[in-house]
Amino acid sequence: MNGMSDVRLTLHGQELEAGQARAMSAPTRNRWSLFWHRRHTRKVLLELTAEQLRDIGLTAEQARQEGLKPFWRS
């Protein structure tokens, strides 16, 4: 466990959502940034332990489905 509390994870998630919303309405070069961000976060999601998944409220199957999505899909 990395010591992040549920509150910090929630706040971080909200920051990521806000960033995605801004990037969606931005020019094409910012869309690539969003695509790279999605690719990175989905890869990390596939590497989380069962305990970490439990902390963020996901099952292994949910994490796998999200992690295997192509980077261009929301």
N, C-alpha and C. Protein backbone atom coordinates (compact mmCIF):
# COMPACT_ATOMS: atom_id res chain seq x y z
N MET A 1 0.85 -1.17 0.00
CA MET A 1 0.00 0.00 0.00
C MET A 1 0.89 1.23 0.00
N ASN A 2 0.50 2.24 -0.74
CA ASN A 2 1.34 3.42 -0.85
C ASN A 2 0.97 4.50 0.15
N GLY A 3 0.01 4.28 1.00
CA GLY A 3 -0.34 5.23 2.06
C GLY A 3 -1.31 6.32 1.65
N MET A 4 -1.82 6.28 0.43
CA MET A 4 -2.77 7.31 0.02
C MET A 4 -4.13 7.01 0.64
N SER A 5 -4.72 8.02 1.22
CA SER A 5 -6.03 7.84 1.84
C SER A 5 -7.12 7.88 0.78
N ASP A 6 -8.32 7.44 1.14
CA ASP A 6 -9.45 7.49 0.23
C ASP A 6 -9.74 8.93 -0.18
N VAL A 7 -9.57 9.85 0.73
CA VAL A 7 -9.84 11.27 0.43
C VAL A 7 -8.86 11.76 -0.64
N ARG A 8 -7.59 11.45 -0.48
CA ARG A 8 -6.60 11.88 -1.46
C ARG A 8 -6.86 11.23 -2.81
N LEU A 9 -7.25 9.96 -2.81
CA LEU A 9 -7.55 9.29 -4.07
C LEU A 9 -8.76 9.92 -4.75
N THR A 10 -9.77 10.26 -3.96
CA THR A 10 -10.96 10.91 -4.51
C THR A 10 -10.61 12.26 -5.11
N LEU A 11 -9.85 13.05 -4.37
CA LEU A 11 -9.45 14.37 -4.87
C LEU A 11 -8.60 14.25 -6.12
N HIS A 12 -7.69 13.30 -6.13
CA HIS A 12 -6.85 13.09 -7.30
C HIS A 12 -7.71 12.68 -8.50
N GLY A 13 -8.68 11.82 -8.27
CA GLY A 13 -9.59 11.40 -9.33
C GLY A 13 -10.37 12.57 -9.90
N GLN A 14 -10.81 13.48 -9.03
CA GLN A 14 -11.54 14.66 -9.48
C GLN A 14 -10.64 15.57 -10.31
N GLU A 15 -9.39 15.70 -9.92
CA GLU A 15 -8.43 16.51 -10.69
C GLU A 15 -8.22 15.89 -12.07
N LEU A 16 -8.12 14.57 -12.12
CA LEU A 16 -7.93 13.91 -13.41
C LEU A 16 -9.15 14.10 -14.31
N GLU A 17 -10.35 14.00 -13.73
CA GLU A 17 -11.57 14.20 -14.52
C GLU A 17 -11.64 15.63 -15.05
N ALA A 18 -11.27 16.60 -14.23
CA ALA A 18 -11.28 17.99 -14.66
C ALA A 18 -10.27 18.19 -15.79
N GLY A 19 -9.12 17.56 -15.68
CA GLY A 19 -8.11 17.65 -16.73
C GLY A 19 -8.58 17.03 -18.02
N GLN A 20 -9.29 15.92 -17.92
CA GLN A 20 -9.82 15.28 -19.12
C GLN A 20 -10.87 16.15 -19.78
N ALA A 21 -11.71 16.79 -18.98
CA ALA A 21 -12.75 17.66 -19.54
C ALA A 21 -12.11 18.83 -20.29
N ARG A 22 -11.06 19.42 -19.71
CA ARG A 22 -10.38 20.53 -20.38
C ARG A 22 -9.71 20.05 -21.66
N ALA A 23 -9.09 18.90 -21.61
CA ALA A 23 -8.37 18.39 -22.78
C ALA A 23 -9.31 18.02 -23.91
N MET A 24 -10.52 17.59 -23.58
CA MET A 24 -11.48 17.23 -24.61
C MET A 24 -11.84 18.42 -25.48
N SER A 25 -11.89 19.62 -24.92
CA SER A 25 -12.26 20.79 -25.70
C SER A 25 -11.04 21.55 -26.22
N ALA A 26 -9.86 21.03 -26.00
CA ALA A 26 -8.62 21.68 -26.41
C ALA A 26 -8.25 21.28 -27.83
N PRO A 27 -7.27 21.97 -28.41
CA PRO A 27 -6.80 21.61 -29.76
C PRO A 27 -6.22 20.20 -29.80
N THR A 28 -5.96 19.75 -31.00
CA THR A 28 -5.51 18.37 -31.23
C THR A 28 -4.27 18.00 -30.43
N ARG A 29 -3.31 18.92 -30.32
CA ARG A 29 -2.07 18.55 -29.60
C ARG A 29 -2.36 18.18 -28.15
N ASN A 30 -3.38 18.79 -27.55
CA ASN A 30 -3.74 18.45 -26.18
C ASN A 30 -4.49 17.13 -26.12
N ARG A 31 -5.13 16.77 -27.19
CA ARG A 31 -5.80 15.46 -27.22
C ARG A 31 -4.78 14.34 -27.15
N TRP A 32 -3.64 14.54 -27.80
CA TRP A 32 -2.58 13.52 -27.71
C TRP A 32 -2.09 13.39 -26.29
N SER A 33 -2.03 14.50 -25.60
CA SER A 33 -1.64 14.46 -24.19
C SER A 33 -2.64 13.63 -23.39
N LEU A 34 -3.92 13.83 -23.67
CA LEU A 34 -4.96 13.04 -23.01
C LEU A 34 -4.82 11.56 -23.35
N PHE A 35 -4.56 11.26 -24.61
CA PHE A 35 -4.40 9.87 -25.02
C PHE A 35 -3.24 9.21 -24.29
N TRP A 36 -2.11 9.92 -24.19
CA TRP A 36 -0.95 9.37 -23.47
C TRP A 36 -1.26 9.18 -22.00
N HIS A 37 -2.01 10.14 -21.43
CA HIS A 37 -2.39 10.02 -20.02
C HIS A 37 -3.25 8.78 -19.82
N ARG A 38 -4.25 8.59 -20.68
CA ARG A 38 -5.10 7.39 -20.58
C ARG A 38 -4.28 6.11 -20.71
N ARG A 39 -3.38 6.10 -21.67
CA ARG A 39 -2.56 4.90 -21.88
C ARG A 39 -1.76 4.58 -20.62
N HIS A 40 -1.15 5.61 -20.05
CA HIS A 40 -0.34 5.41 -18.85
C HIS A 40 -1.19 4.94 -17.67
N THR A 41 -2.29 5.63 -17.41
CA THR A 41 -3.10 5.28 -16.24
C THR A 41 -3.74 3.90 -16.38
N ARG A 42 -4.12 3.54 -17.59
CA ARG A 42 -4.70 2.20 -17.79
C ARG A 42 -3.65 1.12 -17.60
N LYS A 43 -2.42 1.40 -18.02
CA LYS A 43 -1.34 0.44 -17.80
C LYS A 43 -1.10 0.25 -16.30
N VAL A 44 -1.08 1.35 -15.56
CA VAL A 44 -0.87 1.29 -14.11
C VAL A 44 -2.03 0.55 -13.45
N LEU A 45 -3.24 0.77 -13.93
CA LEU A 45 -4.40 0.08 -13.38
C LEU A 45 -4.24 -1.43 -13.45
N LEU A 46 -3.66 -1.92 -14.53
CA LEU A 46 -3.45 -3.36 -14.70
C LEU A 46 -2.42 -3.91 -13.72
N GLU A 47 -1.59 -3.04 -13.15
CA GLU A 47 -0.52 -3.47 -12.26
C GLU A 47 -0.87 -3.36 -10.77
N LEU A 48 -2.06 -2.86 -10.46
CA LEU A 48 -2.44 -2.70 -9.05
C LEU A 48 -2.67 -4.06 -8.39
N THR A 49 -2.36 -4.10 -7.12
CA THR A 49 -2.58 -5.32 -6.34
C THR A 49 -4.05 -5.43 -5.95
N ALA A 50 -4.45 -6.59 -5.47
CA ALA A 50 -5.83 -6.80 -5.03
C ALA A 50 -6.19 -5.83 -3.91
N GLU A 51 -5.26 -5.58 -3.01
CA GLU A 51 -5.51 -4.64 -1.91
C GLU A 51 -5.72 -3.22 -2.43
N GLN A 52 -4.91 -2.79 -3.39
CA GLN A 52 -5.06 -1.46 -3.96
C GLN A 52 -6.37 -1.33 -4.72
N LEU A 53 -6.75 -2.37 -5.43
CA LEU A 53 -8.03 -2.35 -6.14
C LEU A 53 -9.19 -2.25 -5.16
N ARG A 54 -9.09 -2.98 -4.07
CA ARG A 54 -10.12 -2.92 -3.03
C ARG A 54 -10.22 -1.50 -2.47
N ASP A 55 -9.07 -0.84 -2.27
CA ASP A 55 -9.05 0.53 -1.75
C ASP A 55 -9.79 1.51 -2.67
N ILE A 56 -9.69 1.30 -3.97
CA ILE A 56 -10.35 2.23 -4.89
C ILE A 56 -11.72 1.74 -5.34
N GLY A 57 -12.13 0.60 -4.80
CA GLY A 57 -13.49 0.11 -5.05
C GLY A 57 -13.69 -0.57 -6.39
N LEU A 58 -12.65 -1.20 -6.91
CA LEU A 58 -12.78 -1.92 -8.17
C LEU A 58 -12.47 -3.40 -7.97
N THR A 59 -13.14 -4.22 -8.77
CA THR A 59 -12.80 -5.63 -8.79
C THR A 59 -11.67 -5.83 -9.79
N ALA A 60 -11.03 -6.97 -9.73
CA ALA A 60 -9.97 -7.27 -10.68
C ALA A 60 -10.51 -7.28 -12.11
N GLU A 61 -11.73 -7.77 -12.29
CA GLU A 61 -12.34 -7.81 -13.62
C GLU A 61 -12.63 -6.40 -14.14
N GLN A 62 -13.13 -5.52 -13.29
CA GLN A 62 -13.38 -4.13 -13.70
C GLN A 62 -12.07 -3.44 -14.09
N ALA A 63 -11.04 -3.66 -13.30
CA ALA A 63 -9.74 -3.06 -13.59
C ALA A 63 -9.19 -3.60 -14.91
N ARG A 64 -9.36 -4.89 -15.13
CA ARG A 64 -8.88 -5.49 -16.37
C ARG A 64 -9.62 -4.92 -17.58
N GLN A 65 -10.94 -4.80 -17.47
CA GLN A 65 -11.73 -4.25 -18.58
C GLN A 65 -11.32 -2.82 -18.91
N GLU A 66 -11.15 -2.01 -17.88
CA GLU A 66 -10.74 -0.61 -18.09
C GLU A 66 -9.30 -0.55 -18.59
N GLY A 67 -8.44 -1.36 -18.03
CA GLY A 67 -7.04 -1.34 -18.40
C GLY A 67 -6.76 -1.80 -19.82
N LEU A 68 -7.62 -2.64 -20.34
CA LEU A 68 -7.43 -3.15 -21.70
C LEU A 68 -8.13 -2.32 -22.77
N LYS A 69 -8.84 -1.27 -22.37
CA LYS A 69 -9.48 -0.40 -23.34
C LYS A 69 -8.41 0.31 -24.17
N PRO A 70 -8.69 0.52 -25.44
CA PRO A 70 -7.75 1.31 -26.25
C PRO A 70 -7.66 2.75 -25.72
N PHE A 71 -6.50 3.36 -25.90
CA PHE A 71 -6.29 4.69 -25.32
C PHE A 71 -7.20 5.75 -25.94
N TRP A 72 -7.73 5.52 -27.10
CA TRP A 72 -8.58 6.52 -27.74
C TRP A 72 -10.03 6.46 -27.26
N ARG A 73 -10.37 5.45 -26.47
CA ARG A 73 -11.74 5.35 -25.94
C ARG A 73 -11.81 5.95 -24.55
N SER A 74 -12.93 6.63 -24.27
CA SER A 74 -13.15 7.22 -22.94
C SER A 74 -13.54 6.17 -21.94
